[in-house]
Amino acid sequence: MKTKMNAPKKNTVLNVPSVFNPLRPDSRNPFNSKLWLAVPAFCAMLFLGATPARAMPQYDLSTTTVSGNPNPSTSGQTVTFTATVTRTTTIHGTGTPAGTVTFKEGTTILGTGTLSGSGLVATTTFSTSGLSAGSHTITASVPDNGSIYLYGSSGTCTQTVNSALNTTVTAINSSPRPSVTNQSVTFTATVTRSGGTATPSGNVVFRDGATALSTNALSGSGTSAAAAFNTSALAYGSHTVAAEYAGDSNFSGSTNSVVQRVVGAPQVQSNGASFGVQMNQFGFNITGTSGLVIVVEACTNLANPVWFPVQTNTLPTVGSSYFSDPAWTNHPGCFYRLCSP
């Protein structure tokens, strides 16, 4: 007996096992085929319905440079750092760089400064005396500034700090002072330390105004050293002679000066009434430049002279100085000469 199979009803979905094929949405799908086809539209809806991203503000570029003065410096010396910020592009604005510059060494903030300037350039400074001996990398940086549409920037410099030097004092003396023309004058410079343990070393330059007369090495021990120089070439007149010590690795330099007067030779007034024997003494007047020290020397034999001082006089401001030799009768003959010590 044949069994009659009923035909499937219209619009009936057959439950036929199959393998899911992503290229065929009508294949067996763990997702509903309608949902599968709707996913792209849903994504498009989300994309088209999203709020557009806001445009980022556009800034111009800047550069920052920094320098220290003085460089190199010494420990304890004040160093001033100057930061210069320059607007290098003007696409989005022309405002002068503004804001606060931060000065750092590594991550340590040393100080800050407020920019000031005009046009495309602004500067600020910061000073410190707290840098130790050695090499220091100093950074100056300024942040972005939205009000003038300018990116921030930074710059660095290397500051060298040397160990502090002990100070010195230079003294200068001359002899004789004043002197006469063609007379040899000795200048002596003494350099004395104010601290430390070493003896000052190096050279001293002697100058007459801007003209270098001689360079001489220091010699000495302990706290001071000296250098000497002599000359007979100073012309008639007044000379300011300086001794300049440049210093060495332990000591700073120093300088001092002395005024040397070169005058004409003193004269014996041999034709005046005062020349000759006066009250049983032989004497005469001496004239010359005020303040000049005159030593009258005598000897009894010019063939084999042995000069000995008889009297020392200082010429007065006005007039002349009188010399007399009360012992002139003790010698059968006596010769005199004038010297300046």
C-alpha atoms as a PDB file:
ATOM      1  CA  MET A   1       0.000   0.000   0.000  1.00  0.00           C
ATOM      2  CA  LYS A   2       1.405   3.226  -1.018  1.00  0.00           C
ATOM      3  CA  THR A   3       1.585   5.956   1.512  1.00  0.00           C
ATOM      4  CA  LYS A   4       0.700   9.413   0.211  1.00  0.00           C
ATOM      5  CA  MET A   5       3.089  12.095   1.123  1.00  0.00           C
ATOM      6  CA  ASN A   6       1.605  15.501   1.709  1.00  0.00           C
ATOM      7  CA  ALA A   7       3.251  18.354  -0.218  1.00  0.00           C
ATOM      8  CA  PRO A   8       4.774  21.060   1.923  1.00  0.00           C
ATOM      9  CA  LYS A   9       2.707  24.078   2.573  1.00  0.00           C
ATOM     10  CA  LYS A  10       3.445  27.317   0.828  1.00  0.00           C
ATOM     11  CA  ASN A  11       5.873  29.654   2.643  1.00  0.00           C
ATOM     12  CA  THR A  12       6.974  26.908   4.955  1.00  0.00           C
ATOM     13  CA  VAL A  13      10.639  26.972   5.914  1.00  0.00           C
ATOM     14  CA  LEU A  14      12.247  23.610   5.672  1.00  0.00           C
ATOM     15  CA  ASN A  15      14.496  22.682   8.539  1.00  0.00           C
ATOM     16  CA  VAL A  16      17.348  21.402   6.397  1.00  0.00           C
ATOM     17  CA  PRO A  17      20.740  21.146   8.149  1.00  0.00           C
ATOM     18  CA  SER A  18      23.484  22.950   6.364  1.00  0.00           C
ATOM     19  CA  VAL A  19      26.844  24.647   6.957  1.00  0.00           C
ATOM     20  CA  PHE A  20      26.849  28.424   7.397  1.00  0.00           C
ATOM     21  CA  ASN A  21      28.305  30.236   4.409  1.00  0.00           C
ATOM     22  CA  PRO A  22      28.985  33.945   5.111  1.00  0.00           C
ATOM     23  CA  LEU A  23      28.756  34.644   1.404  1.00  0.00           C
ATOM     24  CA  ARG A  24      25.181  33.340   1.358  1.00  0.00           C
ATOM     25  CA  PRO A  25      22.914  34.959   3.874  1.00  0.00           C
ATOM     26  CA  ASP A  26      20.227  32.357   3.177  1.00  0.00           C
ATOM     27  CA  SER A  27      22.464  29.528   4.428  1.00  0.00           C
ATOM     28  CA  ARG A  28      22.216  28.258   7.990  1.00  0.00           C
ATOM     29  CA  ASN A  29      23.147  31.244  10.070  1.00  0.00           C
ATOM     30  CA  PRO A  30      23.379  31.587  13.788  1.00  0.00           C
ATOM     31  CA  PHE A  31      21.992  35.079  13.220  1.00  0.00           C
ATOM     32  CA  ASN A  32      18.668  35.914  11.632  1.00  0.00           C
ATOM     33  CA  SER A  33      19.151  36.572   7.906  1.00  0.00           C
ATOM     34  CA  LYS A  34      17.243  39.827   8.140  1.00  0.00           C
ATOM     35  CA  LEU A  35      19.477  41.012  10.951  1.00  0.00           C
ATOM     36  CA  TRP A  36      22.496  39.971   8.926  1.00  0.00           C
ATOM     37  CA  LEU A  37      21.477  42.149   6.041  1.00  0.00           C
ATOM     38  CA  ALA A  38      20.584  45.026   8.347  1.00  0.00           C
ATOM     39  CA  VAL A  39      24.018  45.293  10.039  1.00  0.00           C
ATOM     40  CA  PRO A  40      25.700  47.372   7.299  1.00  0.00           C
ATOM     41  CA  ALA A  41      22.810  49.819   7.286  1.00  0.00           C
ATOM     42  CA  PHE A  42      22.967  50.102  11.069  1.00  0.00           C
ATOM     43  CA  CYS A  43      26.676  50.869  10.923  1.00  0.00           C
ATOM     44  CA  ALA A  44      26.105  53.466   8.229  1.00  0.00           C
ATOM     45  CA  MET A  45      23.445  55.026  10.362  1.00  0.00           C
ATOM     46  CA  LEU A  46      25.812  55.304  13.311  1.00  0.00           C
ATOM     47  CA  PHE A  47      28.558  56.850  11.154  1.00  0.00           C
ATOM     48  CA  LEU A  48      26.291  59.337   9.432  1.00  0.00           C
ATOM     49  CA  GLY A  49      24.610  60.308  12.638  1.00  0.00           C
ATOM     50  CA  ALA A  50      27.827  60.926  14.679  1.00  0.00           C
ATOM     51  CA  THR A  51      28.864  64.453  15.714  1.00  0.00           C
ATOM     52  CA  PRO A  52      31.791  65.708  13.496  1.00  0.00           C
ATOM     53  CA  ALA A  53      35.206  66.028  15.300  1.00  0.00           C
ATOM     54  CA  ARG A  54      36.194  69.639  16.170  1.00  0.00           C
ATOM     55  CA  ALA A  55      39.186  71.038  14.275  1.00  0.00           C
ATOM     56  CA  MET A  56      42.362  71.448  16.434  1.00  0.00           C
ATOM     57  CA  PRO A  57      43.637  75.071  16.762  1.00  0.00           C
ATOM     58  CA  GLN A  58      46.682  75.854  14.631  1.00  0.00           C
ATOM     59  CA  TYR A  59      49.767  77.451  16.300  1.00  0.00           C
ATOM     60  CA  ASP A  60      52.902  79.146  14.988  1.00  0.00           C
ATOM     61  CA  LEU A  61      56.408  77.973  15.873  1.00  0.00           C
ATOM     62  CA  SER A  62      58.923  79.597  18.200  1.00  0.00           C
ATOM     63  CA  THR A  63      62.566  79.208  19.199  1.00  0.00           C
ATOM     64  CA  THR A  64      64.225  79.889  22.548  1.00  0.00           C
ATOM     65  CA  THR A  65      67.888  80.666  23.130  1.00  0.00           C
ATOM     66  CA  VAL A  66      69.634  81.198  26.470  1.00  0.00           C
ATOM     67  CA  SER A  67      73.059  82.568  27.424  1.00  0.00           C
ATOM     68  CA  GLY A  68      74.931  83.291  30.666  1.00  0.00           C
ATOM     69  CA  ASN A  69      77.031  86.359  31.492  1.00  0.00           C
ATOM     70  CA  PRO A  70      79.819  86.232  32.511  1.00  0.00           C
ATOM     71  CA  ASN A  71      80.801  82.848  31.142  1.00  0.00           C
ATOM     72  CA  PRO A  72      83.005  81.422  32.521  1.00  0.00           C
ATOM     73  CA  SER A  73      82.351  82.685  36.022  1.00  0.00           C
ATOM     74  CA  THR A  74      83.762  81.908  39.448  1.00  0.00           C
ATOM     75  CA  SER A  75      82.110  80.380  42.520  1.00  0.00           C
ATOM     76  CA  GLY A  76      79.988  82.945  44.316  1.00  0.00           C
ATOM     77  CA  GLN A  77      79.917  85.293  41.328  1.00  0.00           C
ATOM     78  CA  THR A  78      76.515  86.483  40.092  1.00  0.00           C
ATOM     79  CA  VAL A  79      75.614  85.110  36.658  1.00  0.00           C
ATOM     80  CA  THR A  80      72.739  86.570  34.640  1.00  0.00           C
ATOM     81  CA  PHE A  81      70.970  84.223  32.218  1.00  0.00           C
ATOM     82  CA  THR A  82      69.061  85.821  29.324  1.00  0.00           C
ATOM     83  CA  ALA A  83      66.358  83.894  27.465  1.00  0.00           C
ATOM     84  CA  THR A  84      65.239  85.129  24.041  1.00  0.00           C
ATOM     85  CA  VAL A  85      62.012  83.778  22.527  1.00  0.00           C
ATOM     86  CA  THR A  86      61.402  84.412  18.813  1.00  0.00           C
ATOM     87  CA  ARG A  87      58.213  83.788  16.836  1.00  0.00           C
ATOM     88  CA  THR A  88      59.574  82.085  13.719  1.00  0.00           C
ATOM     89  CA  THR A  89      56.311  81.768  11.727  1.00  0.00           C
ATOM     90  CA  THR A  90      53.355  84.141  11.385  1.00  0.00           C
ATOM     91  CA  ILE A  91      50.761  81.946   9.673  1.00  0.00           C
ATOM     92  CA  HIS A  92      48.246  82.070  12.516  1.00  0.00           C
ATOM     93  CA  GLY A  93      49.192  85.320  14.231  1.00  0.00           C
ATOM     94  CA  THR A  94      51.800  88.001  14.808  1.00  0.00           C
ATOM     95  CA  GLY A  95      51.577  88.428  18.569  1.00  0.00           C
ATOM     96  CA  THR A  96      54.767  89.080  20.541  1.00  0.00           C
ATOM     97  CA  PRO A  97      55.892  86.035  22.540  1.00  0.00           C
ATOM     98  CA  ALA A  98      54.587  86.292  26.091  1.00  0.00           C
ATOM     99  CA  GLY A  99      54.429  84.227  29.236  1.00  0.00           C
ATOM    100  CA  THR A 100      56.771  82.892  31.889  1.00  0.00           C
ATOM    101  CA  VAL A 101      60.146  81.365  31.129  1.00  0.00           C
ATOM    102  CA  THR A 102      61.377  78.669  33.505  1.00  0.00           C
ATOM    103  CA  PHE A 103      65.112  78.262  34.036  1.00  0.00           C
ATOM    104  CA  LYS A 104      66.216  74.774  35.073  1.00  0.00           C
ATOM    105  CA  GLU A 105      69.285  72.688  35.640  1.00  0.00           C
ATOM    106  CA  GLY A 106      68.154  69.155  34.946  1.00  0.00           C
ATOM    107  CA  THR A 107      64.855  68.820  36.792  1.00  0.00           C
ATOM    108  CA  THR A 108      65.719  71.506  39.359  1.00  0.00           C
ATOM    109  CA  ILE A 109      63.964  74.834  38.844  1.00  0.00           C
ATOM    110  CA  LEU A 110      66.448  77.670  39.376  1.00  0.00           C
ATOM    111  CA  GLY A 111      64.067  80.550  38.750  1.00  0.00           C
ATOM    112  CA  THR A 112      61.560  82.155  36.401  1.00  0.00           C
ATOM    113  CA  GLY A 113      61.208  85.326  34.379  1.00  0.00           C
ATOM    114  CA  THR A 114      58.388  87.119  32.570  1.00  0.00           C
ATOM    115  CA  LEU A 115      58.878  87.787  28.859  1.00  0.00           C
ATOM    116  CA  SER A 116      58.874  91.359  27.623  1.00  0.00           C
ATOM    117  CA  GLY A 117      59.468  92.637  24.122  1.00  0.00           C
ATOM    118  CA  SER A 118      57.947  93.837  20.868  1.00  0.00           C
ATOM    119  CA  GLY A 119      57.406  92.538  17.391  1.00  0.00           C
ATOM    120  CA  LEU A 120      58.326  88.877  17.116  1.00  0.00           C
ATOM    121  CA  VAL A 121      60.956  88.809  19.880  1.00  0.00           C
ATOM    122  CA  ALA A 122      60.768  88.937  23.673  1.00  0.00           C
ATOM    123  CA  THR A 123      63.369  88.414  26.400  1.00  0.00           C
ATOM    124  CA  THR A 124      63.658  87.865  30.125  1.00  0.00           C
ATOM    125  CA  THR A 125      66.511  87.408  32.588  1.00  0.00           C
ATOM    126  CA  PHE A 126      67.289  85.475  35.735  1.00  0.00           C
ATOM    127  CA  SER A 127      70.330  85.939  38.003  1.00  0.00           C
ATOM    128  CA  THR A 128      71.970  83.631  40.512  1.00  0.00           C
ATOM    129  CA  SER A 129      75.198  83.405  42.495  1.00  0.00           C
ATOM    130  CA  GLY A 130      74.517  79.873  43.747  1.00  0.00           C
ATOM    131  CA  LEU A 131      76.196  77.801  41.021  1.00  0.00           C
ATOM    132  CA  SER A 132      78.971  75.558  42.300  1.00  0.00           C
ATOM    133  CA  ALA A 133      82.293  75.023  40.551  1.00  0.00           C
ATOM    134  CA  GLY A 134      81.973  72.857  37.443  1.00  0.00           C
ATOM    135  CA  SER A 135      79.956  72.696  34.228  1.00  0.00           C
ATOM    136  CA  HIS A 136      76.215  73.407  34.295  1.00  0.00           C
ATOM    137  CA  THR A 137      73.643  72.813  31.532  1.00  0.00           C
ATOM    138  CA  ILE A 138      70.952  75.466  31.895  1.00  0.00           C
ATOM    139  CA  THR A 139      67.590  75.087  30.138  1.00  0.00           C
ATOM    140  CA  ALA A 140      65.119  77.914  29.500  1.00  0.00           C
ATOM    141  CA  SER A 141      61.618  76.871  28.395  1.00  0.00           C
ATOM    142  CA  VAL A 142      58.345  78.655  27.669  1.00  0.00           C
ATOM    143  CA  PRO A 143      54.978  76.793  27.347  1.00  0.00           C
ATOM    144  CA  ASP A 144      52.393  76.984  24.547  1.00  0.00           C
ATOM    145  CA  ASN A 145      50.393  80.197  24.508  1.00  0.00           C
ATOM    146  CA  GLY A 146      46.884  79.765  23.099  1.00  0.00           C
ATOM    147  CA  SER A 147      46.032  83.454  23.323  1.00  0.00           C
ATOM    148  CA  ILE A 148      48.579  84.297  20.620  1.00  0.00           C
ATOM    149  CA  TYR A 149      48.533  80.898  18.854  1.00  0.00           C
ATOM    150  CA  LEU A 150      52.190  80.150  19.572  1.00  0.00           C
ATOM    151  CA  TYR A 151      53.844  76.857  20.418  1.00  0.00           C
ATOM    152  CA  GLY A 152      56.308  76.828  23.304  1.00  0.00           C
ATOM    153  CA  SER A 153      60.000  75.993  22.927  1.00  0.00           C
ATOM    154  CA  SER A 154      63.183  75.578  24.942  1.00  0.00           C
ATOM    155  CA  GLY A 155      66.916  76.183  24.623  1.00  0.00           C
ATOM    156  CA  THR A 156      70.059  75.316  26.572  1.00  0.00           C
ATOM    157  CA  CYS A 157      73.506  76.712  27.298  1.00  0.00           C
ATOM    158  CA  THR A 158      76.572  75.444  29.149  1.00  0.00           C
ATOM    159  CA  GLN A 159      77.782  77.607  32.019  1.00  0.00           C
ATOM    160  CA  THR A 160      81.330  77.024  33.277  1.00  0.00           C
ATOM    161  CA  VAL A 161      82.003  77.957  36.902  1.00  0.00           C
ATOM    162  CA  ASN A 162      85.611  78.016  38.089  1.00  0.00           C
ATOM    163  CA  SER A 163      86.740  77.713  41.688  1.00  0.00           C
ATOM    164  CA  ALA A 164      86.919  81.077  43.435  1.00  0.00           C
ATOM    165  CA  LEU A 165      90.379  82.647  43.459  1.00  0.00           C
ATOM    166  CA  ASN A 166      91.950  84.255  46.504  1.00  0.00           C
ATOM    167  CA  THR A 167      92.372  87.988  46.096  1.00  0.00           C
ATOM    168  CA  THR A 168      95.644  89.901  46.161  1.00  0.00           C
ATOM    169  CA  VAL A 169      96.806  93.433  46.914  1.00  0.00           C
ATOM    170  CA  THR A 170      99.596  95.001  44.865  1.00  0.00           C
ATOM    171  CA  ALA A 171     101.709  97.816  46.289  1.00  0.00           C
ATOM    172  CA  ILE A 172     104.306  99.802  44.309  1.00  0.00           C
ATOM    173  CA  ASN A 173     107.092 102.040  45.514  1.00  0.00           C
ATOM    174  CA  SER A 174     109.794 104.030  43.748  1.00  0.00           C
ATOM    175  CA  SER A 175     113.175 105.316  44.878  1.00  0.00           C
ATOM    176  CA  PRO A 176     114.304 108.014  44.746  1.00  0.00           C
ATOM    177  CA  ARG A 177     111.128 110.054  44.483  1.00  0.00           C
ATOM    178  CA  PRO A 178     111.311 112.631  43.055  1.00  0.00           C
ATOM    179  CA  SER A 179     114.293 111.946  40.826  1.00  0.00           C
ATOM    180  CA  VAL A 180     116.342 114.097  38.499  1.00  0.00           C
ATOM    181  CA  THR A 181     116.722 113.612  34.764  1.00  0.00           C
ATOM    182  CA  ASN A 182     118.958 110.697  33.782  1.00  0.00           C
ATOM    183  CA  GLN A 183     118.927 109.403  37.346  1.00  0.00           C
ATOM    184  CA  SER A 184     118.245 105.683  37.851  1.00  0.00           C
ATOM    185  CA  VAL A 185     114.914 105.016  39.556  1.00  0.00           C
ATOM    186  CA  THR A 186     113.949 101.631  41.023  1.00  0.00           C
ATOM    187  CA  PHE A 187     110.291 100.591  41.037  1.00  0.00           C
ATOM    188  CA  THR A 188     109.361  97.717  43.357  1.00  0.00           C
ATOM    189  CA  ALA A 189     105.985  95.935  43.248  1.00  0.00           C
ATOM    190  CA  THR A 190     104.917  93.712  46.143  1.00  0.00           C
ATOM    191  CA  VAL A 191     101.956  91.333  45.701  1.00  0.00           C
ATOM    192  CA  THR A 192     100.364  90.103  48.951  1.00  0.00           C
ATOM    193  CA  ARG A 193      97.746  87.371  49.165  1.00  0.00           C
ATOM    194  CA  SER A 194      94.545  87.747  51.190  1.00  0.00           C
ATOM    195  CA  GLY A 195      93.975  84.020  51.714  1.00  0.00           C
ATOM    196  CA  GLY A 196      95.124  80.574  50.747  1.00  0.00           C
ATOM    197  CA  THR A 197      98.477  78.957  51.407  1.00  0.00           C
ATOM    198  CA  ALA A 198     100.422  79.375  48.171  1.00  0.00           C
ATOM    199  CA  THR A 199     102.721  82.274  47.330  1.00  0.00           C
ATOM    200  CA  PRO A 200     101.599  84.562  44.480  1.00  0.00           C
ATOM    201  CA  SER A 201     103.475  83.744  41.281  1.00  0.00           C
ATOM    202  CA  GLY A 202     103.637  85.022  37.725  1.00  0.00           C
ATOM    203  CA  ASN A 203     104.661  88.352  36.261  1.00  0.00           C
ATOM    204  CA  VAL A 204     104.213  92.024  37.012  1.00  0.00           C
ATOM    205  CA  VAL A 205     103.973  94.494  34.119  1.00  0.00           C
ATOM    206  CA  PHE A 206     105.215  98.030  34.837  1.00  0.00           C
ATOM    207  CA  ARG A 207     103.521 100.689  32.719  1.00  0.00           C
ATOM    208  CA  ASP A 208     103.974 104.414  32.285  1.00  0.00           C
ATOM    209  CA  GLY A 209     100.440 105.287  31.309  1.00  0.00           C
ATOM    210  CA  ALA A 210      99.634 102.933  28.419  1.00  0.00           C
ATOM    211  CA  THR A 211     103.290 102.231  27.616  1.00  0.00           C
ATOM    212  CA  ALA A 212     104.750  98.996  28.968  1.00  0.00           C
ATOM    213  CA  LEU A 213     108.157  99.685  30.515  1.00  0.00           C
ATOM    214  CA  SER A 214     109.109  96.185  31.672  1.00  0.00           C
ATOM    215  CA  THR A 215     107.746  92.740  32.588  1.00  0.00           C
ATOM    216  CA  ASN A 216     109.335  91.104  35.617  1.00  0.00           C
ATOM    217  CA  ALA A 217     108.771  87.807  37.420  1.00  0.00           C
ATOM    218  CA  LEU A 218     107.644  87.677  41.032  1.00  0.00           C
ATOM    219  CA  SER A 219     109.963  86.144  43.571  1.00  0.00           C
ATOM    220  CA  GLY A 220     109.257  85.421  47.216  1.00  0.00           C
ATOM    221  CA  SER A 221     107.788  83.049  49.760  1.00  0.00           C
ATOM    222  CA  GLY A 222     104.994  82.975  52.296  1.00  0.00           C
ATOM    223  CA  THR A 223     102.265  85.543  51.927  1.00  0.00           C
ATOM    224  CA  SER A 224     103.917  87.872  49.401  1.00  0.00           C
ATOM    225  CA  ALA A 225     106.284  88.107  46.453  1.00  0.00           C
ATOM    226  CA  ALA A 226     108.005  91.065  44.801  1.00  0.00           C
ATOM    227  CA  ALA A 227     109.333  92.183  41.432  1.00  0.00           C
ATOM    228  CA  ALA A 228     111.654  95.126  40.758  1.00  0.00           C
ATOM    229  CA  PHE A 229     112.524  97.231  37.742  1.00  0.00           C
ATOM    230  CA  ASN A 230     114.871 100.207  37.341  1.00  0.00           C
ATOM    231  CA  THR A 231     115.230 102.808  34.635  1.00  0.00           C
ATOM    232  CA  SER A 232     117.005 106.099  33.991  1.00  0.00           C
ATOM    233  CA  ALA A 233     115.032 106.856  30.835  1.00  0.00           C
ATOM    234  CA  LEU A 234     112.130 108.760  32.378  1.00  0.00           C
ATOM    235  CA  ALA A 235     111.778 112.169  30.833  1.00  0.00           C
ATOM    236  CA  TYR A 236     111.399 115.414  32.749  1.00  0.00           C
ATOM    237  CA  GLY A 237     107.896 115.728  34.199  1.00  0.00           C
ATOM    238  CA  SER A 238     105.337 113.665  36.081  1.00  0.00           C
ATOM    239  CA  HIS A 239     104.847 109.929  35.394  1.00  0.00           C
ATOM    240  CA  THR A 240     102.073 107.663  36.696  1.00  0.00           C
ATOM    241  CA  VAL A 241     103.756 104.259  36.798  1.00  0.00           C
ATOM    242  CA  ALA A 242     101.490 101.257  37.422  1.00  0.00           C
ATOM    243  CA  ALA A 243     102.326  97.727  38.494  1.00  0.00           C
ATOM    244  CA  GLU A 244      99.833  95.227  37.042  1.00  0.00           C
ATOM    245  CA  TYR A 245      99.650  91.675  38.393  1.00  0.00           C
ATOM    246  CA  ALA A 246      97.578  89.360  36.184  1.00  0.00           C
ATOM    247  CA  GLY A 247      97.138  86.591  38.774  1.00  0.00           C
ATOM    248  CA  ASP A 248      97.742  82.840  38.572  1.00  0.00           C
ATOM    249  CA  SER A 249      95.793  79.607  39.114  1.00  0.00           C
ATOM    250  CA  ASN A 250      95.352  80.392  42.822  1.00  0.00           C
ATOM    251  CA  PHE A 251      95.085  84.171  42.950  1.00  0.00           C
ATOM    252  CA  SER A 252      93.235  86.937  41.170  1.00  0.00           C
ATOM    253  CA  GLY A 253      95.081  89.887  39.714  1.00  0.00           C
ATOM    254  CA  SER A 254      95.489  93.350  41.182  1.00  0.00           C
ATOM    255  CA  THR A 255      97.123  96.663  40.315  1.00  0.00           C
ATOM    256  CA  ASN A 256      98.384  99.853  41.875  1.00  0.00           C
ATOM    257  CA  SER A 257     100.314 102.925  40.781  1.00  0.00           C
ATOM    258  CA  VAL A 258     102.709 105.600  41.985  1.00  0.00           C
ATOM    259  CA  VAL A 259     103.405 109.126  40.710  1.00  0.00           C
ATOM    260  CA  GLN A 260     107.069 109.640  39.890  1.00  0.00           C
ATOM    261  CA  ARG A 261     108.291 113.194  39.386  1.00  0.00           C
ATOM    262  CA  VAL A 262     111.411 113.710  37.294  1.00  0.00           C
ATOM    263  CA  VAL A 263     112.928 117.128  37.859  1.00  0.00           C
ATOM    264  CA  GLY A 264     115.918 119.060  36.693  1.00  0.00           C
ATOM    265  CA  ALA A 265     119.236 118.728  38.501  1.00  0.00           C
ATOM    266  CA  PRO A 266     119.702 120.989  41.547  1.00  0.00           C
ATOM    267  CA  GLN A 267     121.948 123.972  41.136  1.00  0.00           C
ATOM    268  CA  VAL A 268     124.558 125.593  43.410  1.00  0.00           C
ATOM    269  CA  GLN A 269     124.213 129.365  43.535  1.00  0.00           C
ATOM    270  CA  SER A 270     127.940 130.048  43.272  1.00  0.00           C
ATOM    271  CA  ASN A 271     127.630 133.713  42.360  1.00  0.00           C
ATOM    272  CA  GLY A 272     125.446 134.830  45.241  1.00  0.00           C
ATOM    273  CA  ALA A 273     126.376 136.606  48.435  1.00  0.00           C
ATOM    274  CA  SER A 274     125.741 133.407  50.382  1.00  0.00           C
ATOM    275  CA  PHE A 275     128.503 131.528  48.576  1.00  0.00           C
ATOM    276  CA  GLY A 276     131.709 131.246  50.576  1.00  0.00           C
ATOM    277  CA  VAL A 277     132.716 131.587  54.184  1.00  0.00           C
ATOM    278  CA  GLN A 278     129.971 132.836  56.449  1.00  0.00           C
ATOM    279  CA  MET A 279     130.525 132.954  60.200  1.00  0.00           C
ATOM    280  CA  ASN A 280     133.554 130.667  59.932  1.00  0.00           C
ATOM    281  CA  GLN A 281     131.579 128.119  57.890  1.00  0.00           C
ATOM    282  CA  PHE A 282     131.735 127.442  54.214  1.00  0.00           C
ATOM    283  CA  GLY A 283     128.328 127.331  52.552  1.00  0.00           C
ATOM    284  CA  PHE A 284     126.141 128.030  49.557  1.00  0.00           C
ATOM    285  CA  ASN A 285     122.503 128.076  48.447  1.00  0.00           C
ATOM    286  CA  ILE A 286     120.955 125.172  46.518  1.00  0.00           C
ATOM    287  CA  THR A 287     117.992 125.663  44.184  1.00  0.00           C
ATOM    288  CA  GLY A 288     115.840 123.160  42.365  1.00  0.00           C
ATOM    289  CA  THR A 289     112.431 121.530  42.318  1.00  0.00           C
ATOM    290  CA  SER A 290     110.330 121.762  45.460  1.00  0.00           C
ATOM    291  CA  GLY A 291     110.438 118.640  47.580  1.00  0.00           C
ATOM    292  CA  LEU A 292     113.634 117.296  46.040  1.00  0.00           C
ATOM    293  CA  VAL A 293     115.885 115.691  48.638  1.00  0.00           C
ATOM    294  CA  ILE A 294     119.501 116.771  48.215  1.00  0.00           C
ATOM    295  CA  VAL A 295     122.482 115.084  49.824  1.00  0.00           C
ATOM    296  CA  VAL A 296     125.648 117.149  49.854  1.00  0.00           C
ATOM    297  CA  GLU A 297     128.685 114.887  49.737  1.00  0.00           C
ATOM    298  CA  ALA A 298     132.341 115.849  50.150  1.00  0.00           C
ATOM    299  CA  CYS A 299     135.774 114.381  49.459  1.00  0.00           C
ATOM    300  CA  THR A 300     139.323 115.652  49.969  1.00  0.00           C
ATOM    301  CA  ASN A 301     141.084 114.018  47.016  1.00  0.00           C
ATOM    302  CA  LEU A 302     139.642 113.924  43.519  1.00  0.00           C
ATOM    303  CA  ALA A 303     142.458 111.678  42.306  1.00  0.00           C
ATOM    304  CA  ASN A 304     141.219 108.927  44.592  1.00  0.00           C
ATOM    305  CA  PRO A 305     137.799 110.172  45.719  1.00  0.00           C
ATOM    306  CA  VAL A 306     136.045 108.800  48.747  1.00  0.00           C
ATOM    307  CA  TRP A 307     132.749 110.662  49.045  1.00  0.00           C
ATOM    308  CA  PHE A 308     131.046 111.020  52.415  1.00  0.00           C
ATOM    309  CA  PRO A 309     127.714 112.700  53.200  1.00  0.00           C
ATOM    310  CA  VAL A 310     127.852 116.025  54.947  1.00  0.00           C
ATOM    311  CA  GLN A 311     124.273 117.214  54.989  1.00  0.00           C
ATOM    312  CA  THR A 312     120.815 116.228  53.674  1.00  0.00           C
ATOM    313  CA  ASN A 313     118.385 118.974  52.698  1.00  0.00           C
ATOM    314  CA  THR A 314     114.878 118.993  51.259  1.00  0.00           C
ATOM    315  CA  LEU A 315     114.280 121.842  48.866  1.00  0.00           C
ATOM    316  CA  PRO A 316     111.438 124.077  50.049  1.00  0.00           C
ATOM    317  CA  THR A 317     108.389 125.142  48.098  1.00  0.00           C
ATOM    318  CA  VAL A 318     109.715 128.674  47.721  1.00  0.00           C
ATOM    319  CA  GLY A 319     113.303 129.838  47.716  1.00  0.00           C
ATOM    320  CA  SER A 320     116.440 127.808  48.196  1.00  0.00           C
ATOM    321  CA  SER A 321     118.095 125.590  50.763  1.00  0.00           C
ATOM    322  CA  TYR A 322     121.306 126.732  52.424  1.00  0.00           C
ATOM    323  CA  PHE A 323     124.163 124.309  52.982  1.00  0.00           C
ATOM    324  CA  SER A 324     127.074 124.916  55.357  1.00  0.00           C
ATOM    325  CA  ASP A 325     130.041 122.785  56.401  1.00  0.00           C
ATOM    326  CA  PRO A 326     131.323 123.677  59.864  1.00  0.00           C
ATOM    327  CA  ALA A 327     134.228 121.204  59.493  1.00  0.00           C
ATOM    328  CA  TRP A 328     135.627 122.699  56.302  1.00  0.00           C
ATOM    329  CA  THR A 329     138.724 123.981  58.124  1.00  0.00           C
ATOM    330  CA  ASN A 330     139.696 120.431  59.053  1.00  0.00           C
ATOM    331  CA  HIS A 331     140.836 119.732  55.508  1.00  0.00           C
ATOM    332  CA  PRO A 332     143.448 121.459  53.403  1.00  0.00           C
ATOM    333  CA  GLY A 333     141.100 121.120  50.468  1.00  0.00           C
ATOM    334  CA  CYS A 334     137.511 119.920  50.095  1.00  0.00           C
ATOM    335  CA  PHE A 335     135.305 119.147  47.130  1.00  0.00           C
ATOM    336  CA  TYR A 336     131.494 118.970  47.192  1.00  0.00           C
ATOM    337  CA  ARG A 337     128.842 117.383  45.011  1.00  0.00           C
ATOM    338  CA  LEU A 338     125.030 117.247  45.052  1.00  0.00           C
ATOM    339  CA  CYS A 339     123.186 113.923  44.959  1.00  0.00           C
ATOM    340  CA  SER A 340     119.568 112.870  45.146  1.00  0.00           C
ATOM    341  CA  PRO A 341     119.015 109.612  47.043  1.00  0.00           C
END
